[in-house]
């Protein structure tokens, strides 16, 4: 799985080895609360924050808010990757015979 993050666009899952590729077809997310989920890969990519942080009105510093958004996305991607790796290390139960 490859995740792409761009300051002017947001984040998206660029490609994935999952069968349906719903996560790839979701496209770009950039607003707080938007998510991309890939169930087969156990990945959740979510933009966190409040609408006020990302308001593009002249009273807000859009460049600073965009940087903060990208940093949050990068942190979430890192956490999701660690969770996926951690889950893969957990031994799977062996079915009982008989």
N, C-alpha and C. Protein backbone atom coordinates (compact mmCIF):
# COMPACT_ATOMS: atom_id res chain seq x y z
N UNK A 1 0.84 -1.17 0.00
CA UNK A 1 0.00 0.00 0.00
C UNK A 1 0.89 1.24 0.00
N UNK A 2 0.51 2.20 -0.84
CA UNK A 2 1.23 3.49 -0.86
C UNK A 2 0.24 4.60 -0.58
N UNK A 3 0.63 5.49 0.35
CA UNK A 3 -0.19 6.63 0.71
C UNK A 3 0.53 7.88 0.24
N UNK A 4 -0.22 8.77 -0.42
CA UNK A 4 0.35 10.01 -0.94
C UNK A 4 -0.21 11.18 -0.13
N UNK A 5 0.67 12.09 0.27
CA UNK A 5 0.27 13.27 1.03
C UNK A 5 0.82 14.50 0.30
N UNK A 6 -0.07 15.44 -0.03
CA UNK A 6 0.33 16.70 -0.67
C UNK A 6 -0.33 17.85 0.07
N UNK A 7 0.46 18.88 0.36
CA UNK A 7 -0.04 20.02 1.14
C UNK A 7 -1.23 20.69 0.47
N UNK A 8 -1.25 20.75 -0.86
CA UNK A 8 -2.33 21.45 -1.55
C UNK A 8 -3.54 20.58 -1.85
N UNK A 9 -3.42 19.26 -1.64
CA UNK A 9 -4.52 18.36 -1.97
C UNK A 9 -5.03 17.57 -0.78
N UNK A 10 -4.17 17.16 0.13
CA UNK A 10 -4.56 16.33 1.26
C UNK A 10 -3.85 14.99 1.22
N UNK A 11 -4.61 13.93 1.42
CA UNK A 11 -4.03 12.58 1.46
C UNK A 11 -4.92 11.63 0.67
N UNK A 12 -4.30 10.59 0.14
CA UNK A 12 -5.06 9.54 -0.55
C UNK A 12 -4.25 8.26 -0.51
N UNK A 13 -4.92 7.17 -0.74
CA UNK A 13 -4.22 5.89 -0.91
C UNK A 13 -3.98 5.75 -2.41
N UNK A 14 -2.72 5.75 -2.77
CA UNK A 14 -2.33 5.74 -4.18
C UNK A 14 -2.54 4.37 -4.80
N UNK A 15 -2.12 3.32 -4.12
CA UNK A 15 -2.39 1.96 -4.59
C UNK A 15 -2.39 1.01 -3.41
N UNK A 16 -3.05 -0.12 -3.61
CA UNK A 16 -3.19 -1.10 -2.54
C UNK A 16 -3.34 -2.48 -3.16
N UNK A 17 -2.95 -3.50 -2.40
CA UNK A 17 -3.06 -4.86 -2.91
C UNK A 17 -4.40 -5.52 -2.52
N UNK A 18 -5.33 -4.74 -1.96
CA UNK A 18 -6.64 -5.28 -1.58
C UNK A 18 -7.45 -5.58 -2.84
N UNK A 19 -8.40 -6.52 -2.75
CA UNK A 19 -9.13 -6.94 -3.96
C UNK A 19 -10.03 -5.86 -4.59
N UNK A 20 -10.84 -5.16 -3.81
CA UNK A 20 -11.82 -4.23 -4.38
C UNK A 20 -11.25 -2.83 -4.64
N UNK A 21 -10.19 -2.47 -3.94
CA UNK A 21 -9.54 -1.17 -4.09
C UNK A 21 -10.48 0.01 -3.82
N UNK A 22 -11.44 -0.19 -2.90
CA UNK A 22 -12.35 0.89 -2.52
C UNK A 22 -11.56 2.05 -1.93
N UNK A 23 -10.53 1.72 -1.17
CA UNK A 23 -9.70 2.77 -0.54
C UNK A 23 -9.02 3.64 -1.59
N UNK A 24 -8.59 3.05 -2.67
CA UNK A 24 -7.93 3.80 -3.76
C UNK A 24 -8.95 4.68 -4.48
N UNK A 25 -10.14 4.14 -4.71
CA UNK A 25 -11.18 4.87 -5.43
C UNK A 25 -11.82 5.99 -4.60
N UNK A 26 -11.57 6.00 -3.29
CA UNK A 26 -12.09 7.08 -2.45
C UNK A 26 -11.51 8.42 -2.87
N UNK A 27 -10.26 8.42 -3.30
CA UNK A 27 -9.63 9.66 -3.76
C UNK A 27 -9.06 10.48 -2.62
N UNK A 28 -8.94 11.77 -2.85
CA UNK A 28 -8.30 12.69 -1.90
C UNK A 28 -9.23 13.02 -0.75
N UNK A 29 -8.66 13.10 0.46
CA UNK A 29 -9.38 13.64 1.61
C UNK A 29 -8.56 14.80 2.15
N UNK A 30 -9.24 15.84 2.65
CA UNK A 30 -8.49 16.98 3.17
C UNK A 30 -9.20 17.72 4.30
N UNK A 31 -10.48 17.45 4.50
CA UNK A 31 -11.25 18.17 5.51
C UNK A 31 -11.33 17.34 6.79
N UNK A 32 -11.37 18.00 7.94
CA UNK A 32 -11.49 17.28 9.21
C UNK A 32 -12.69 16.34 9.21
N UNK A 33 -12.47 15.12 9.68
CA UNK A 33 -13.53 14.12 9.73
C UNK A 33 -13.57 13.19 8.53
N UNK A 34 -12.93 13.57 7.43
CA UNK A 34 -12.91 12.69 6.26
C UNK A 34 -12.00 11.50 6.53
N UNK A 35 -12.40 10.34 6.05
CA UNK A 35 -11.62 9.13 6.28
C UNK A 35 -11.52 8.29 5.01
N UNK A 36 -10.50 7.47 4.99
CA UNK A 36 -10.36 6.40 4.00
C UNK A 36 -10.10 5.14 4.80
N UNK A 37 -10.83 4.08 4.49
CA UNK A 37 -10.68 2.83 5.22
C UNK A 37 -10.34 1.72 4.23
N UNK A 38 -9.37 0.90 4.61
CA UNK A 38 -9.05 -0.31 3.84
C UNK A 38 -9.15 -1.48 4.81
N UNK A 39 -10.28 -2.17 4.79
CA UNK A 39 -10.50 -3.26 5.74
C UNK A 39 -9.52 -4.43 5.55
N UNK A 40 -9.26 -4.88 4.31
CA UNK A 40 -8.33 -6.01 4.18
C UNK A 40 -6.94 -5.71 4.75
N UNK A 41 -6.49 -4.47 4.63
CA UNK A 41 -5.17 -4.10 5.15
C UNK A 41 -5.22 -3.50 6.56
N UNK A 42 -6.44 -3.40 7.11
CA UNK A 42 -6.63 -2.86 8.47
C UNK A 42 -6.02 -1.46 8.61
N UNK A 43 -6.34 -0.58 7.64
CA UNK A 43 -5.82 0.79 7.63
C UNK A 43 -6.99 1.77 7.73
N UNK A 44 -6.84 2.77 8.58
CA UNK A 44 -7.77 3.88 8.68
C UNK A 44 -6.96 5.16 8.55
N UNK A 45 -7.26 5.93 7.52
CA UNK A 45 -6.61 7.22 7.30
C UNK A 45 -7.66 8.29 7.54
N UNK A 46 -7.42 9.18 8.51
CA UNK A 46 -8.42 10.16 8.90
C UNK A 46 -7.78 11.52 9.07
N UNK A 47 -8.49 12.55 8.60
CA UNK A 47 -8.06 13.93 8.85
C UNK A 47 -8.70 14.36 10.16
N UNK A 48 -7.88 14.81 11.09
CA UNK A 48 -8.39 15.26 12.38
C UNK A 48 -8.26 16.76 12.49
N UNK A 49 -9.04 17.35 13.37
CA UNK A 49 -9.01 18.79 13.58
C UNK A 49 -10.42 19.33 13.61
N UNK A 50 -10.53 20.65 13.55
CA UNK A 50 -11.84 21.30 13.50
C UNK A 50 -11.92 22.14 12.24
N UNK A 51 -13.10 22.44 11.82
CA UNK A 51 -13.28 23.24 10.60
C UNK A 51 -12.58 24.58 10.70
N UNK A 52 -12.61 25.19 11.88
CA UNK A 52 -12.00 26.49 12.04
C UNK A 52 -10.50 26.46 11.73
N UNK A 53 -9.83 25.36 12.05
CA UNK A 53 -8.39 25.26 11.78
C UNK A 53 -8.09 25.32 10.29
N UNK A 54 -9.03 24.88 9.47
CA UNK A 54 -8.76 24.75 8.04
C UNK A 54 -9.54 25.77 7.21
N UNK A 55 -10.13 26.74 7.87
CA UNK A 55 -10.87 27.79 7.18
C UNK A 55 -9.90 28.63 6.34
N UNK A 56 -10.21 28.82 5.08
CA UNK A 56 -9.31 29.54 4.19
C UNK A 56 -9.61 31.05 4.14
N UNK A 57 -10.33 31.55 5.13
CA UNK A 57 -10.64 32.98 5.14
C UNK A 57 -9.36 33.79 5.34
N UNK A 58 -9.35 35.06 4.92
CA UNK A 58 -8.14 35.88 5.02
C UNK A 58 -7.62 36.07 6.44
N UNK A 59 -8.48 35.84 7.45
CA UNK A 59 -8.04 36.04 8.84
C UNK A 59 -7.17 34.89 9.34
N UNK A 60 -7.17 33.78 8.62
CA UNK A 60 -6.38 32.62 9.05
C UNK A 60 -5.12 32.49 8.20
N UNK A 61 -4.11 31.92 8.79
CA UNK A 61 -2.87 31.67 8.08
C UNK A 61 -2.98 30.30 7.40
N UNK A 62 -3.37 30.30 6.14
CA UNK A 62 -3.62 29.06 5.41
C UNK A 62 -2.38 28.19 5.31
N UNK A 63 -1.23 28.79 5.09
CA UNK A 63 0.00 28.01 4.96
C UNK A 63 0.31 27.26 6.26
N UNK A 64 0.17 27.90 7.39
CA UNK A 64 0.42 27.25 8.69
C UNK A 64 -0.58 26.13 8.93
N UNK A 65 -1.85 26.37 8.57
CA UNK A 65 -2.87 25.34 8.75
C UNK A 65 -2.64 24.15 7.85
N UNK A 66 -2.21 24.39 6.62
CA UNK A 66 -1.92 23.29 5.69
C UNK A 66 -0.77 22.46 6.21
N UNK A 67 0.28 23.12 6.71
CA UNK A 67 1.41 22.39 7.26
C UNK A 67 0.97 21.55 8.45
N UNK A 68 0.15 22.10 9.32
CA UNK A 68 -0.34 21.36 10.48
C UNK A 68 -1.17 20.16 10.04
N UNK A 69 -1.97 20.34 9.00
CA UNK A 69 -2.79 19.25 8.47
C UNK A 69 -1.91 18.13 7.93
N UNK A 70 -0.90 18.47 7.17
CA UNK A 70 0.00 17.46 6.60
C UNK A 70 0.74 16.73 7.71
N UNK A 71 1.15 17.45 8.76
CA UNK A 71 1.84 16.80 9.88
C UNK A 71 0.91 15.83 10.59
N UNK A 72 -0.35 16.19 10.76
CA UNK A 72 -1.31 15.29 11.39
C UNK A 72 -1.54 14.05 10.54
N UNK A 73 -1.64 14.24 9.22
CA UNK A 73 -1.83 13.10 8.32
C UNK A 73 -0.63 12.16 8.41
N UNK A 74 0.57 12.72 8.38
CA UNK A 74 1.78 11.91 8.46
C UNK A 74 1.82 11.12 9.76
N UNK A 75 1.42 11.74 10.87
CA UNK A 75 1.40 11.05 12.16
C UNK A 75 0.39 9.91 12.14
N UNK A 76 -0.79 10.15 11.55
CA UNK A 76 -1.80 9.10 11.47
C UNK A 76 -1.34 7.93 10.60
N UNK A 77 -0.68 8.23 9.51
CA UNK A 77 -0.17 7.18 8.63
C UNK A 77 0.86 6.34 9.39
N UNK A 78 1.74 7.01 10.13
CA UNK A 78 2.74 6.29 10.90
C UNK A 78 2.09 5.38 11.92
N UNK A 79 1.08 5.89 12.62
CA UNK A 79 0.39 5.08 13.63
C UNK A 79 -0.30 3.89 12.98
N UNK A 80 -0.98 4.13 11.85
CA UNK A 80 -1.67 3.04 11.17
C UNK A 80 -0.69 1.96 10.72
N UNK A 81 0.47 2.36 10.21
CA UNK A 81 1.47 1.39 9.76
C UNK A 81 2.01 0.59 10.93
N UNK A 82 2.25 1.24 12.07
CA UNK A 82 2.74 0.54 13.25
C UNK A 82 1.69 -0.46 13.73
N UNK A 83 0.41 -0.06 13.73
CA UNK A 83 -0.65 -0.97 14.16
C UNK A 83 -0.73 -2.18 13.23
N UNK A 84 -0.58 -1.94 11.94
CA UNK A 84 -0.65 -3.04 10.99
C UNK A 84 0.51 -3.99 11.21
N UNK A 85 1.70 -3.48 11.40
CA UNK A 85 2.87 -4.32 11.64
C UNK A 85 2.70 -5.08 12.95
N UNK A 86 2.22 -4.41 14.00
CA UNK A 86 2.03 -5.04 15.30
C UNK A 86 1.03 -6.18 15.21
N UNK A 87 -0.07 -5.96 14.49
CA UNK A 87 -1.08 -7.01 14.35
C UNK A 87 -0.52 -8.22 13.61
N UNK A 88 0.37 -7.98 12.65
CA UNK A 88 0.92 -9.10 11.88
C UNK A 88 1.85 -9.96 12.73
N UNK A 89 2.32 -9.44 13.85
CA UNK A 89 3.22 -10.19 14.73
C UNK A 89 2.47 -11.03 15.75
N UNK A 90 1.15 -10.81 15.88
CA UNK A 90 0.36 -11.58 16.83
C UNK A 90 0.09 -12.96 16.24
N UNK A 91 0.44 -14.02 16.98
CA UNK A 91 0.21 -15.37 16.44
C UNK A 91 -1.28 -15.64 16.26
N UNK A 92 -1.60 -16.31 15.19
CA UNK A 92 -3.00 -16.66 14.91
C UNK A 92 -3.34 -17.96 15.62
N UNK A 93 -4.58 -18.08 16.15
CA UNK A 93 -4.97 -19.31 16.83
C UNK A 93 -5.02 -20.48 15.86
N UNK A 94 -4.65 -21.64 16.35
CA UNK A 94 -4.69 -22.86 15.54
C UNK A 94 -6.04 -23.52 15.79
N UNK A 95 -6.81 -23.79 14.72
CA UNK A 95 -8.13 -24.40 14.90
C UNK A 95 -8.00 -25.79 15.55
N UNK A 96 -8.96 -26.09 16.42
CA UNK A 96 -8.97 -27.42 17.07
C UNK A 96 -9.39 -28.47 16.06
N UNK A 97 -8.75 -29.58 16.12
CA UNK A 97 -9.10 -30.68 15.20
C UNK A 97 -10.20 -31.53 15.81
N UNK A 98 -10.99 -32.12 14.92
CA UNK A 98 -11.96 -33.08 15.41
C UNK A 98 -13.29 -32.60 15.44
